[in-house]
Amino acid sequence: MAFTVSVGEADFAALRKENAYYVDKTELMYELVHDTNNKVTLFTRPRRFGKTLMMSMMENFFNIRKDSKAIFAGLNIFQHEFFCKEWMNQYPVLFVSFKDVEAENFEGAYKMLKTKLADVCKDIAFVFNDVSVDKDDEQIFLSLKAKTADEDDIKNSLKTIMRMLNAVYGKPVILLIDEYDVPLAKASEKDTAENKYYSKMLDVIKGIMSTALKDNEFLQFAVITGCLRIAKESIFTGTNNFASYSVLDDDFSEYFGFSREEVDAILEAADRDDKAEIIKEWYDGYIFGNSYVYCPWDVINYLSALKKRKNARPKNYWKNTSHNGILLTFVKRTDFKVKGKFEMLMNSGTIVQTITDELTYDTLHSSEDNLWSVLLMTGYITKADADEEGETVSLKIPNREIASIFEDTVVKLFKETIDTNKQRNMMEAFWNQDTEEAGRIVSELLWKTISYNDYHEDYYHAFLAGAFVGIGYEVESNKERRSKDVPSHIFGRPDILLKDEDNRRAIIIEAKKSGKESDMDKDCDEAIDQIITEKYAEGIYGYEQILCYGVSFFQKQAKVKLLLKK
């Protein structure tokens, strides 16, 4: 394959110099500067939707210290000749990322923040020697660079550096802040009564933001990115000409993520057009404003795999980029009755919720609406309809990749919260051949867990196997037994085989999904006939007792029948 993809490259200049495939999003800069009057612009999007690459693109385009004509040649922004002449490499740029400002406690995170600011100072160390720079600012700059600055100077750090850049170049500064909310997100996770981590970090970040953004004569404009919009009253108080664009807004919605047309173009360049539908199934489905988009991180990762192996299978690339703590927090809340809503989502349905894109990290968990809002803003769910407006919207799981995260985390947690005594009672009922009690308990457990895959037969097999494994039994499923060296024409393979080696006894279960409640009895008989016809028990040696059951399921009801020995 002639084309090149670069996985994880967030440096725009490096990406272009490597001649890696680039989906052109440069038009964003023209629209932002030419079509708005924003002094401060906040873009919030989920992880891995191109925010950092977009910021790097802007830094390379505007930075007066660079000559960027070569790396932007041929891109859409060059169509605006006058704009490029007026803005390309014409302004001092201050670019800072808060991505790694996190730790177990405030002291550790504050140290990381100092390190970030020191790195920024080292990158522009030339300003220290300029005669135009104020001598007092020089001393503050040195302390920032040496990580010895006091808290007041830390809070004023960006404004101080911008004042110095303004003195050197005689022009106001373009400020780019990437992942501005990471320090607060991490602080909220570790905040305790003993360790007031969040309030301390909020005070520092608010100080940095307010001095840099509010009434700052050295600011040309600022662009900020993050996952959540923190309420203006918490961070951006008094900031003039402030505009925020979240996943709910139409403006700029097409610049984060790949459109269907853009993905088709990549596949054509890669000579992998035959993978269009599987990429759509796994990585499409997000609706930002009125734009339908794919997750770019997933598309690029999968294209990289396809470059090496033409028939590479898609997999979940996104789950390792962000922890699933918000999902776990949500389903653990006993005061929220959300099981039915999660079940609806996981069976490809939609739910209707009141959503807000203005939150604070210390109140994320204060209401069910807030938690649904966070899941939307962080990419776990998406709008179901691009035309919907207002605070009340329909929500869905976007694609197969995210559905697998729900299955791995949400279903697992609901299973873990089930009373294990019920599972033990179920097991005793099976060993005691009490089919009525076994069916009753299985039905009760079904009501308390999440059903997904629209009650497919495989779901019931997995549910039963999980119920047994959850109390310490080793279970073989028909899928597992297919890998054993037993010729299929000799012995069949039951859905579930459970062995109690200590007591030399075993249970065979064949499960059926019933189309209606009245078919459950008949389907149990059919399952038992299959056990007999396929000779399931004859393939199991050395056990003194083998109990064979047919189990039928209709939605969240179960019926159990025992194969009686003649």
Protein backbone atom coordinates (compact mmCIF):
# COMPACT_ATOMS: atom_id res chain seq x y z
CA MET A 1 0.00 0.00 0.00
CA ALA A 2 1.44 3.35 -1.06
CA PHE A 3 -0.28 5.52 1.49
CA THR A 4 0.91 6.01 5.09
CA VAL A 5 -1.10 6.45 8.28
CA SER A 6 0.46 7.68 11.49
CA VAL A 7 -1.14 6.32 14.66
CA GLY A 8 -1.08 8.67 17.63
CA GLU A 9 0.80 11.51 15.92
CA ALA A 10 -0.59 14.75 17.36
CA ASP A 11 2.18 17.03 16.03
CA PHE A 12 0.81 18.60 12.86
CA ALA A 13 4.21 19.52 11.41
CA ALA A 14 5.59 16.01 11.98
CA LEU A 15 2.49 14.46 10.41
CA ARG A 16 2.84 16.58 7.28
CA LYS A 17 6.59 16.08 6.99
CA GLU A 18 6.10 12.31 7.26
CA ASN A 19 3.70 12.58 4.31
CA ALA A 20 1.15 10.66 6.37
CA TYR A 21 -2.50 10.72 5.33
CA TYR A 22 -4.18 13.84 6.71
CA VAL A 23 -7.91 14.57 6.73
CA ASP A 24 -8.00 18.29 5.98
CA LYS A 25 -9.54 20.29 8.84
CA THR A 26 -7.68 23.55 8.18
CA GLU A 27 -10.85 25.40 7.19
CA LEU A 28 -11.65 25.57 10.93
CA MET A 29 -9.10 28.38 11.35
CA TYR A 30 -10.71 30.56 8.68
CA GLU A 31 -14.18 30.00 10.09
CA LEU A 32 -13.02 30.69 13.64
CA VAL A 33 -11.12 33.92 12.91
CA HIS A 34 -13.02 35.29 9.92
CA ASP A 35 -16.60 34.37 10.84
CA THR A 36 -16.69 34.92 14.60
CA ASN A 37 -15.77 37.64 17.05
CA ASN A 38 -14.76 35.23 19.80
CA LYS A 39 -12.08 36.46 22.17
CA VAL A 40 -12.11 33.07 23.91
CA THR A 41 -13.33 29.86 22.25
CA LEU A 42 -13.80 26.57 24.10
CA PHE A 43 -14.16 23.32 22.14
CA THR A 44 -15.27 20.29 24.16
CA ARG A 45 -15.15 16.81 22.64
CA PRO A 46 -14.52 13.24 23.84
CA ARG A 47 -11.02 11.85 23.99
CA ARG A 48 -9.37 10.91 20.70
CA PHE A 49 -11.43 13.14 18.44
CA GLY A 50 -8.55 15.25 17.14
CA LYS A 51 -8.46 18.14 19.61
CA THR A 52 -4.69 18.11 20.19
CA LEU A 53 -3.87 17.75 16.48
CA MET A 54 -6.19 20.68 15.78
CA MET A 55 -4.37 22.81 18.36
CA SER A 56 -1.00 21.82 16.90
CA MET A 57 -2.29 22.79 13.46
CA MET A 58 -3.22 26.26 14.73
CA GLU A 59 0.08 26.68 16.56
CA ASN A 60 1.98 25.92 13.34
CA PHE A 61 -0.21 28.20 11.24
CA PHE A 62 -0.22 31.32 13.41
CA ASN A 63 3.20 31.14 15.11
CA ILE A 64 5.44 34.05 14.09
CA ARG A 65 8.53 32.00 14.95
CA LYS A 66 7.81 29.50 12.17
CA ASP A 67 7.65 29.36 8.38
CA SER A 68 4.76 27.01 7.69
CA LYS A 69 4.06 27.48 3.99
CA ALA A 70 5.41 24.08 3.02
CA ILE A 71 3.40 22.03 5.52
CA PHE A 72 0.13 23.83 4.64
CA ALA A 73 0.68 23.76 0.88
CA GLY A 74 -2.21 22.10 -0.92
CA LEU A 75 -4.57 22.24 2.03
CA ASN A 76 -7.94 23.99 2.06
CA ILE A 77 -6.75 26.99 4.05
CA PHE A 78 -4.61 28.08 1.08
CA GLN A 79 -7.79 28.85 -0.84
CA HIS A 80 -8.10 31.95 1.38
CA GLU A 81 -5.11 33.83 0.01
CA PHE A 82 -5.70 37.13 1.81
CA PHE A 83 -6.40 35.36 5.12
CA CYS A 84 -3.13 33.43 4.89
CA LYS A 85 -1.21 36.59 4.08
CA GLU A 86 -2.73 38.35 7.10
CA TRP A 87 -2.50 35.51 9.64
CA MET A 88 -0.02 32.80 8.67
CA ASN A 89 3.08 33.05 10.92
CA GLN A 90 2.13 36.59 11.91
CA TYR A 91 1.49 36.34 15.68
CA PRO A 92 3.31 35.13 18.77
CA VAL A 93 1.68 31.94 20.02
CA LEU A 94 1.69 30.48 23.52
CA PHE A 95 0.73 26.80 23.48
CA VAL A 96 0.35 24.89 26.75
CA SER A 97 -1.19 21.51 27.51
CA PHE A 98 -2.53 20.43 30.91
CA LYS A 99 -2.88 16.81 29.76
CA ASP A 100 -0.45 15.32 32.30
CA VAL A 101 -1.29 17.53 35.28
CA GLU A 102 -2.58 14.77 37.54
CA ALA A 103 -1.52 12.86 40.63
CA GLU A 104 -2.89 11.10 43.70
CA ASN A 105 -2.92 14.33 45.71
CA PHE A 106 -2.81 18.09 45.22
CA GLU A 107 0.88 18.40 46.02
CA GLY A 108 1.83 15.93 43.27
CA ALA A 109 -0.45 17.56 40.70
CA TYR A 110 0.78 21.05 41.60
CA LYS A 111 4.33 19.83 41.03
CA MET A 112 3.31 18.52 37.60
CA LEU A 113 1.75 21.89 36.80
CA LYS A 114 5.02 23.64 37.67
CA THR A 115 6.87 21.22 35.40
CA LYS A 116 4.50 22.00 32.52
CA LEU A 117 5.02 25.73 32.95
CA ALA A 118 8.79 25.25 33.19
CA ASP A 119 8.75 23.38 29.87
CA VAL A 120 6.82 26.25 28.26
CA CYS A 121 9.43 28.71 29.51
CA LYS A 122 12.30 26.59 28.22
CA ASP A 123 10.69 26.52 24.78
CA ILE A 124 10.68 30.34 24.60
CA ALA A 125 13.82 31.01 26.65
CA PHE A 126 14.92 33.55 24.05
CA VAL A 127 12.50 36.15 25.50
CA PHE A 128 14.65 36.38 28.64
CA ASN A 129 17.46 38.14 26.84
CA ASP A 130 15.34 40.64 24.92
CA VAL A 131 15.91 44.25 25.99
CA SER A 132 12.21 45.04 25.61
CA VAL A 133 11.19 42.70 28.42
CA ASP A 134 10.48 44.11 31.87
CA LYS A 135 13.16 43.16 34.41
CA ASP A 136 10.62 42.09 37.02
CA ASP A 137 8.99 39.78 34.47
CA GLU A 138 12.43 38.33 33.76
CA GLN A 139 12.81 37.33 37.42
CA ILE A 140 9.35 35.74 37.48
CA PHE A 141 10.17 33.95 34.22
CA LEU A 142 13.36 32.53 35.74
CA SER A 143 11.46 31.26 38.79
CA LEU A 144 8.84 29.63 36.55
CA LYS A 145 11.58 28.01 34.48
CA ALA A 146 13.33 26.76 37.64
CA LYS A 147 10.02 25.55 39.20
CA THR A 148 10.54 27.82 42.24
CA ALA A 149 7.72 30.33 41.57
CA ASP A 150 5.26 31.04 44.37
CA GLU A 151 1.51 30.48 44.00
CA ASP A 152 0.70 34.06 42.99
CA ASP A 153 3.23 33.91 40.17
CA ILE A 154 1.88 30.51 39.09
CA LYS A 155 -1.63 31.96 38.86
CA ASN A 156 -0.31 34.88 36.81
CA SER A 157 2.13 32.76 34.79
CA LEU A 158 0.42 32.77 31.41
CA LYS A 159 -0.29 36.48 31.50
CA THR A 160 3.34 37.18 32.49
CA ILE A 161 4.67 35.12 29.59
CA MET A 162 2.21 36.75 27.20
CA ARG A 163 3.31 40.21 28.34
CA MET A 164 6.92 39.24 27.60
CA LEU A 165 6.04 37.88 24.14
CA ASN A 166 4.11 41.06 23.42
CA ALA A 167 7.15 43.13 24.40
CA VAL A 168 9.40 41.13 22.07
CA TYR A 169 7.15 41.11 19.00
CA GLY A 170 4.98 44.18 19.51
CA LYS A 171 1.86 42.11 18.82
CA PRO A 172 -0.80 40.52 21.04
CA VAL A 173 -0.51 36.80 21.69
CA ILE A 174 -2.65 33.89 20.48
CA LEU A 175 -3.15 31.59 23.49
CA LEU A 176 -3.80 27.86 22.99
CA ILE A 177 -4.63 25.73 26.05
CA ASP A 178 -5.16 22.00 25.42
CA GLU A 179 -6.96 19.64 27.84
CA TYR A 180 -7.67 22.45 30.27
CA ASP A 181 -9.96 20.34 32.45
CA VAL A 182 -7.68 17.32 33.06
CA PRO A 183 -6.32 18.69 36.37
CA LEU A 184 -9.87 19.19 37.67
CA ALA A 185 -11.14 15.86 36.38
CA LYS A 186 -8.36 14.01 38.17
CA ALA A 187 -8.74 16.15 41.28
CA SER A 188 -12.44 15.33 41.54
CA GLU A 189 -11.66 11.60 41.48
CA LYS A 190 -9.22 11.84 44.39
CA ASP A 191 -11.05 14.48 46.42
CA THR A 192 -11.86 13.43 50.00
CA ALA A 193 -12.89 15.10 53.24
CA GLU A 194 -9.30 14.79 54.44
CA ASN A 195 -7.71 15.90 51.17
CA LYS A 196 -9.44 18.96 49.66
CA TYR A 197 -7.79 18.26 46.34
CA TYR A 198 -10.53 19.60 44.06
CA SER A 199 -11.06 22.95 45.75
CA LYS A 200 -7.30 23.61 45.87
CA MET A 201 -6.81 22.72 42.19
CA LEU A 202 -9.87 24.72 41.15
CA ASP A 203 -8.42 27.78 42.88
CA VAL A 204 -5.13 27.46 40.97
CA ILE A 205 -6.65 26.73 37.54
CA LYS A 206 -9.21 29.49 37.98
CA GLY A 207 -6.40 31.92 38.82
CA ILE A 208 -4.40 30.95 35.73
CA MET A 209 -7.44 31.19 33.45
CA SER A 210 -8.89 34.41 34.80
CA THR A 211 -5.62 36.36 34.62
CA ALA A 212 -4.87 35.09 31.12
CA LEU A 213 -8.35 35.54 29.65
CA LYS A 214 -10.09 38.38 31.48
CA ASP A 215 -9.25 41.95 30.42
CA ASN A 216 -5.83 40.89 29.15
CA GLU A 217 -4.55 43.53 26.75
CA PHE A 218 -1.84 41.15 25.54
CA LEU A 219 -4.37 38.58 24.24
CA GLN A 220 -5.26 38.44 20.54
CA PHE A 221 -7.59 35.49 21.05
CA ALA A 222 -7.59 32.18 22.92
CA VAL A 223 -8.65 28.67 21.96
CA ILE A 224 -9.18 26.08 24.70
CA THR A 225 -10.02 22.38 24.48
CA GLY A 226 -11.31 19.82 26.96
CA CYS A 227 -13.84 17.04 27.47
CA LEU A 228 -16.34 19.03 29.54
CA ARG A 229 -17.39 22.64 29.67
CA ILE A 230 -16.94 23.67 33.26
CA ALA A 231 -19.58 26.20 34.21
CA LYS A 232 -18.50 29.72 33.35
CA GLU A 233 -19.08 30.81 36.92
CA SER A 234 -16.44 28.32 38.09
CA ILE A 235 -13.59 29.05 35.70
CA PHE A 236 -14.36 31.70 33.12
CA THR A 237 -16.03 34.36 35.28
CA GLY A 238 -15.97 37.75 33.61
CA THR A 239 -14.38 36.53 30.40
CA ASN A 240 -15.56 38.70 27.50
CA ASN A 241 -16.68 37.38 24.10
CA PHE A 242 -16.60 33.83 25.41
CA ALA A 243 -18.03 31.09 23.15
CA SER A 244 -18.31 27.39 23.88
CA TYR A 245 -19.00 24.62 21.34
CA SER A 246 -19.87 21.16 22.64
CA VAL A 247 -21.18 17.99 20.99
CA LEU A 248 -24.63 19.60 21.07
CA ASP A 249 -23.70 22.59 18.89
CA ASP A 250 -23.96 22.79 15.11
CA ASP A 251 -21.13 25.30 14.68
CA PHE A 252 -17.74 23.66 14.00
CA SER A 253 -19.35 20.22 14.40
CA GLU A 254 -17.74 18.83 11.23
CA TYR A 255 -14.17 19.60 12.31
CA PHE A 256 -13.91 16.93 15.02
CA GLY A 257 -14.15 13.38 13.73
CA PHE A 258 -14.34 12.02 10.18
CA SER A 259 -17.38 12.25 7.92
CA ARG A 260 -18.56 9.31 5.79
CA GLU A 261 -17.10 11.00 2.71
CA GLU A 262 -13.74 11.47 4.44
CA VAL A 263 -13.64 7.81 5.52
CA ASP A 264 -14.55 6.67 2.00
CA ALA A 265 -11.66 8.76 0.66
CA ILE A 266 -9.23 7.17 3.13
CA LEU A 267 -10.41 3.67 2.19
CA GLU A 268 -10.01 4.44 -1.49
CA ALA A 269 -6.48 5.72 -0.92
CA ALA A 270 -5.72 2.60 1.11
CA ASP A 271 -7.34 0.26 -1.44
CA ARG A 272 -9.60 -1.07 1.29
CA ASP A 273 -13.03 -0.02 -0.02
CA ASP A 274 -14.45 -3.40 0.96
CA LYS A 275 -14.08 -2.48 4.65
CA ALA A 276 -16.50 0.48 4.52
CA GLU A 277 -19.45 -1.25 6.17
CA ILE A 278 -17.50 -2.90 8.96
CA ILE A 279 -15.80 0.42 9.81
CA LYS A 280 -19.21 2.07 9.86
CA GLU A 281 -20.60 -0.63 12.18
CA TRP A 282 -17.70 -0.35 14.63
CA TYR A 283 -16.61 3.29 14.59
CA ASP A 284 -19.39 5.48 13.14
CA GLY A 285 -22.61 6.65 14.79
CA TYR A 286 -21.61 9.84 16.62
CA ILE A 287 -23.73 12.93 16.09
CA PHE A 288 -22.05 16.24 16.92
CA GLY A 289 -24.46 19.09 16.35
CA ASN A 290 -25.87 18.30 12.92
CA SER A 291 -22.85 16.30 11.70
CA TYR A 292 -22.53 12.52 11.55
CA VAL A 293 -18.96 11.47 12.36
CA TYR A 294 -16.64 8.52 12.92
CA CYS A 295 -14.08 8.40 15.73
CA PRO A 296 -10.81 9.32 13.96
CA TRP A 297 -8.59 7.47 16.45
CA ASP A 298 -10.35 4.19 15.68
CA VAL A 299 -10.37 4.67 11.92
CA ILE A 300 -6.64 5.43 11.79
CA ASN A 301 -5.77 2.51 14.09
CA TYR A 302 -7.84 0.09 12.04
CA LEU A 303 -6.40 1.38 8.77
CA SER A 304 -2.93 0.84 10.22
CA ALA A 305 -3.87 -2.77 11.00
CA LEU A 306 -5.34 -3.22 7.51
CA LYS A 307 -2.12 -1.97 5.98
CA LYS A 308 -0.31 -4.89 7.62
CA ARG A 309 -3.07 -7.51 7.26
CA LYS A 310 -5.71 -7.12 4.57
CA ASN A 311 -8.28 -9.06 6.57
CA ALA A 312 -7.48 -7.65 10.01
CA ARG A 313 -10.49 -7.69 12.30
CA PRO A 314 -11.74 -4.50 13.92
CA LYS A 315 -11.27 -4.19 17.65
CA ASN A 316 -11.85 -1.76 20.47
CA TYR A 317 -9.10 0.85 20.27
CA TRP A 318 -10.92 3.55 22.22
CA LYS A 319 -11.42 1.76 25.54
CA ASN A 320 -7.73 1.96 26.45
CA THR A 321 -7.62 5.74 25.98
CA SER A 322 -9.90 6.60 28.89
CA HIS A 323 -10.92 4.75 32.02
CA ASN A 324 -14.55 3.72 32.47
CA GLY A 325 -14.94 5.09 35.98
CA ILE A 326 -17.93 7.26 35.13
CA LEU A 327 -19.87 4.20 33.95
CA LEU A 328 -19.05 2.28 37.10
CA THR A 329 -19.97 5.23 39.29
CA PHE A 330 -23.30 5.53 37.52
CA VAL A 331 -24.47 1.94 37.88
CA LYS A 332 -23.31 1.74 41.50
CA ARG A 333 -25.73 4.50 42.47
CA THR A 334 -28.58 2.72 44.23
CA ASP A 335 -30.61 5.94 44.34
CA PHE A 336 -30.80 6.08 40.53
CA LYS A 337 -33.11 3.57 38.83
CA VAL A 338 -31.11 3.30 35.62
CA LYS A 339 -30.97 -0.44 34.91
CA GLY A 340 -33.90 -0.30 32.52
CA LYS A 341 -32.36 2.62 30.64
CA PHE A 342 -29.02 0.88 30.26
CA GLU A 343 -30.83 -2.22 29.08
CA MET A 344 -32.72 -0.19 26.47
CA LEU A 345 -29.49 1.35 25.20
CA MET A 346 -27.68 -1.97 25.04
CA ASN A 347 -30.48 -3.46 22.96
CA SER A 348 -30.02 -0.75 20.31
CA GLY A 349 -32.82 1.39 21.69
CA THR A 350 -32.96 5.05 22.65
CA ILE A 351 -33.77 6.91 25.84
CA VAL A 352 -34.89 10.51 26.34
CA GLN A 353 -33.02 12.62 28.90
CA THR A 354 -32.55 16.22 29.94
CA ILE A 355 -28.98 17.19 29.07
CA THR A 356 -26.73 20.09 30.01
CA ASP A 357 -23.32 20.94 28.57
CA GLU A 358 -22.42 23.23 31.45
CA LEU A 359 -21.22 21.27 34.48
CA THR A 360 -18.79 21.39 37.36
CA TYR A 361 -16.68 18.41 38.33
CA ASP A 362 -17.68 18.63 41.96
CA THR A 363 -21.37 18.28 41.05
CA LEU A 364 -21.14 15.67 38.28
CA HIS A 365 -22.69 13.01 40.47
CA SER A 366 -25.33 15.21 42.08
CA SER A 367 -28.12 14.18 39.72
CA GLU A 368 -28.99 11.51 37.19
CA ASP A 369 -29.28 14.16 34.45
CA ASN A 370 -25.73 15.30 35.15
CA LEU A 371 -24.39 11.77 34.79
CA TRP A 372 -26.19 11.20 31.49
CA SER A 373 -24.78 14.55 30.36
CA VAL A 374 -21.25 13.40 31.21
CA LEU A 375 -21.69 10.15 29.29
CA LEU A 376 -22.80 12.20 26.29
CA MET A 377 -19.94 14.71 26.50
CA THR A 378 -17.32 11.98 26.95
CA GLY A 379 -18.46 9.81 24.03
CA TYR A 380 -20.16 6.83 25.70
CA ILE A 381 -23.52 7.80 24.21
CA THR A 382 -24.56 10.18 21.46
CA LYS A 383 -27.62 11.99 20.19
CA ALA A 384 -29.98 9.74 18.26
CA ASP A 385 -31.18 12.47 15.91
CA ALA A 386 -29.17 15.33 14.42
CA ASP A 387 -32.29 17.51 14.09
CA GLU A 388 -33.12 17.49 17.80
CA GLU A 389 -32.66 20.76 19.68
CA GLY A 390 -33.19 21.85 23.24
CA GLU A 391 -32.28 20.37 26.59
CA THR A 392 -34.31 17.16 26.18
CA VAL A 393 -32.76 14.81 23.62
CA SER A 394 -32.89 11.18 22.52
CA LEU A 395 -29.72 9.23 23.28
CA LYS A 396 -28.20 5.99 21.97
CA ILE A 397 -24.99 3.98 22.02
CA PRO A 398 -23.15 5.06 18.85
CA ASN A 399 -21.59 1.85 17.57
CA ARG A 400 -20.41 -1.67 18.21
CA GLU A 401 -17.16 -0.55 19.81
CA ILE A 402 -18.88 1.43 22.56
CA ALA A 403 -21.50 -1.29 22.97
CA SER A 404 -18.68 -3.69 23.83
CA ILE A 405 -17.49 -1.29 26.56
CA PHE A 406 -20.98 -1.28 28.05
CA GLU A 407 -21.06 -5.07 27.96
CA ASP A 408 -17.65 -5.33 29.62
CA THR A 409 -18.29 -2.78 32.37
CA VAL A 410 -21.99 -2.24 32.96
CA VAL A 411 -23.15 -5.84 32.62
CA LYS A 412 -20.22 -7.07 34.68
CA LEU A 413 -20.98 -4.68 37.50
CA PHE A 414 -24.68 -5.53 37.59
CA LYS A 415 -23.70 -9.20 37.79
CA GLU A 416 -21.34 -8.43 40.65
CA THR A 417 -24.12 -6.74 42.61
CA ILE A 418 -26.37 -9.80 42.46
CA ASP A 419 -26.81 -11.58 45.77
CA THR A 420 -24.54 -14.64 45.58
CA ASN A 421 -26.84 -16.44 48.03
CA LYS A 422 -29.44 -16.49 45.26
CA GLN A 423 -26.94 -18.09 42.93
CA ARG A 424 -26.05 -20.73 45.53
CA ASN A 425 -29.74 -21.47 46.10
CA MET A 426 -30.16 -21.85 42.34
CA MET A 427 -27.26 -24.30 42.24
CA GLU A 428 -28.73 -26.35 45.10
CA ALA A 429 -32.06 -26.47 43.28
CA PHE A 430 -30.37 -27.92 40.19
CA TRP A 431 -28.48 -30.52 42.24
CA ASN A 432 -31.67 -31.38 44.15
CA GLN A 433 -33.61 -31.74 40.88
CA ASP A 434 -36.08 -29.08 42.04
CA THR A 435 -37.00 -27.69 38.63
CA GLU A 436 -39.69 -25.31 39.86
CA GLU A 437 -37.32 -23.61 42.34
CA ALA A 438 -34.47 -23.54 39.81
CA GLY A 439 -36.71 -21.84 37.24
CA ARG A 440 -37.98 -19.33 39.79
CA ILE A 441 -34.50 -18.28 40.90
CA VAL A 442 -33.15 -18.09 37.35
CA SER A 443 -36.07 -15.80 36.45
CA GLU A 444 -35.39 -13.65 39.51
CA LEU A 445 -31.72 -13.30 38.60
CA LEU A 446 -32.70 -12.34 35.05
CA TRP A 447 -34.84 -9.52 36.38
CA LYS A 448 -31.93 -8.15 38.38
CA THR A 449 -29.31 -8.17 35.64
CA ILE A 450 -29.04 -6.34 32.33
CA SER A 451 -30.16 -8.15 29.21
CA TYR A 452 -28.53 -7.22 25.93
CA ASN A 453 -28.25 -8.50 22.36
CA ASP A 454 -32.06 -8.28 22.29
CA TYR A 455 -32.42 -11.55 24.23
CA HIS A 456 -30.52 -13.60 21.67
CA GLU A 457 -29.98 -17.24 22.57
CA ASP A 458 -26.26 -16.59 23.06
CA TYR A 459 -27.14 -14.07 25.76
CA TYR A 460 -28.99 -16.70 27.76
CA HIS A 461 -26.12 -19.17 27.39
CA ALA A 462 -23.68 -16.53 28.68
CA PHE A 463 -26.04 -15.57 31.49
CA LEU A 464 -26.34 -19.13 32.79
CA ALA A 465 -22.61 -19.77 32.48
CA GLY A 466 -21.90 -16.52 34.35
CA ALA A 467 -24.32 -17.43 37.13
CA PHE A 468 -22.48 -20.70 37.74
CA VAL A 469 -18.99 -19.24 37.41
CA GLY A 470 -19.95 -16.49 39.85
CA ILE A 471 -20.15 -19.04 42.66
CA GLY A 472 -16.95 -20.86 41.82
CA TYR A 473 -17.89 -23.58 39.34
CA GLU A 474 -15.92 -24.37 36.22
CA VAL A 475 -18.22 -24.32 33.23
CA GLU A 476 -17.70 -25.56 29.70
CA SER A 477 -19.90 -24.05 27.01
CA ASN A 478 -20.57 -25.53 23.59
CA LYS A 479 -18.23 -22.90 22.15
CA GLU A 480 -15.39 -24.07 24.38
CA ARG A 481 -15.95 -27.74 23.65
CA ARG A 482 -15.70 -27.18 19.90
CA SER A 483 -11.95 -26.71 20.36
CA LYS A 484 -11.50 -30.16 21.91
CA ASP A 485 -10.32 -33.12 19.87
CA VAL A 486 -13.67 -34.92 19.90
CA PRO A 487 -15.09 -35.80 16.46
CA SER A 488 -18.43 -34.05 16.06
CA HIS A 489 -20.10 -37.17 14.57
CA ILE A 490 -19.55 -39.15 17.80
CA PHE A 491 -20.80 -36.88 20.56
CA GLY A 492 -22.76 -33.64 20.47
CA ARG A 493 -21.88 -30.56 22.46
CA PRO A 494 -24.30 -29.24 25.08
CA ASP A 495 -24.78 -25.54 25.66
CA ILE A 496 -23.47 -25.84 29.22
CA LEU A 497 -21.57 -28.60 30.97
CA LEU A 498 -20.93 -28.10 34.68
CA LYS A 499 -18.73 -30.56 36.59
CA ASP A 500 -18.43 -31.16 40.32
CA GLU A 501 -15.32 -33.33 40.35
CA ASP A 502 -15.16 -33.64 44.14
CA ASN A 503 -18.56 -35.34 44.24
CA ARG A 504 -18.23 -36.98 40.79
CA ARG A 505 -21.39 -35.41 39.48
CA ALA A 506 -22.21 -33.21 36.48
CA ILE A 507 -25.02 -31.14 35.01
CA ILE A 508 -25.83 -30.77 31.32
CA ILE A 509 -28.04 -27.88 30.20
CA GLU A 510 -29.46 -27.25 26.75
CA ALA A 511 -31.03 -23.77 26.51
CA LYS A 512 -33.66 -22.52 24.08
CA LYS A 513 -35.08 -19.10 23.40
CA SER A 514 -38.86 -19.15 23.10
CA GLY A 515 -40.72 -16.91 20.69
CA LYS A 516 -43.64 -16.56 23.09
CA GLU A 517 -44.47 -17.50 26.65
CA SER A 518 -46.81 -20.33 25.63
CA ASP A 519 -43.95 -22.09 23.80
CA MET A 520 -41.71 -22.42 26.86
CA ASP A 521 -42.92 -25.89 27.89
CA LYS A 522 -42.59 -27.22 24.35
CA ASP A 523 -39.13 -25.72 23.95
CA CYS A 524 -37.94 -27.38 27.17
CA ASP A 525 -39.05 -30.72 25.74
CA GLU A 526 -37.25 -29.94 22.49
CA ALA A 527 -34.06 -29.19 24.44
CA ILE A 528 -34.32 -32.50 26.29
CA ASP A 529 -34.90 -34.37 23.01
CA GLN A 530 -31.73 -32.74 21.67
CA ILE A 531 -29.75 -33.95 24.71
CA ILE A 532 -30.94 -37.49 23.99
CA THR A 533 -30.52 -37.38 20.21
CA GLU A 534 -27.06 -35.82 20.30
CA LYS A 535 -25.90 -38.19 23.07
CA TYR A 536 -24.51 -35.35 25.18
CA ALA A 537 -24.17 -37.46 28.33
CA GLU A 538 -22.35 -40.29 26.56
CA GLY A 539 -19.32 -38.11 26.01
CA ILE A 540 -18.73 -37.60 29.73
CA TYR A 541 -16.83 -40.30 31.60
CA GLY A 542 -16.15 -41.12 35.24
CA TYR A 543 -19.13 -39.33 36.83
CA GLU A 544 -21.61 -41.22 39.01
CA GLN A 545 -24.45 -38.75 38.49
CA ILE A 546 -25.24 -36.75 35.34
CA LEU A 547 -28.33 -34.54 35.50
CA CYS A 548 -29.70 -33.30 32.18
CA TYR A 549 -31.92 -30.20 31.93
CA GLY A 550 -33.79 -28.42 29.21
CA VAL A 551 -34.20 -24.73 29.96
CA SER A 552 -36.33 -22.34 27.93
CA PHE A 553 -36.28 -18.55 28.12
CA PHE A 554 -38.82 -15.95 27.14
CA GLN A 555 -37.55 -12.43 27.79
CA LYS A 556 -36.88 -12.48 31.55
CA GLN A 557 -38.67 -15.71 32.37
CA ALA A 558 -37.12 -19.16 32.62
CA LYS A 559 -38.58 -22.65 32.72
CA VAL A 560 -36.58 -25.72 33.73
CA LYS A 561 -37.31 -29.40 32.96
CA LEU A 562 -35.34 -32.48 34.02
CA LEU A 563 -34.60 -35.45 31.77
CA LEU A 564 -36.06 -38.32 33.75
CA LYS A 565 -34.23 -41.65 33.58
CA LYS A 566 -36.33 -44.60 32.54
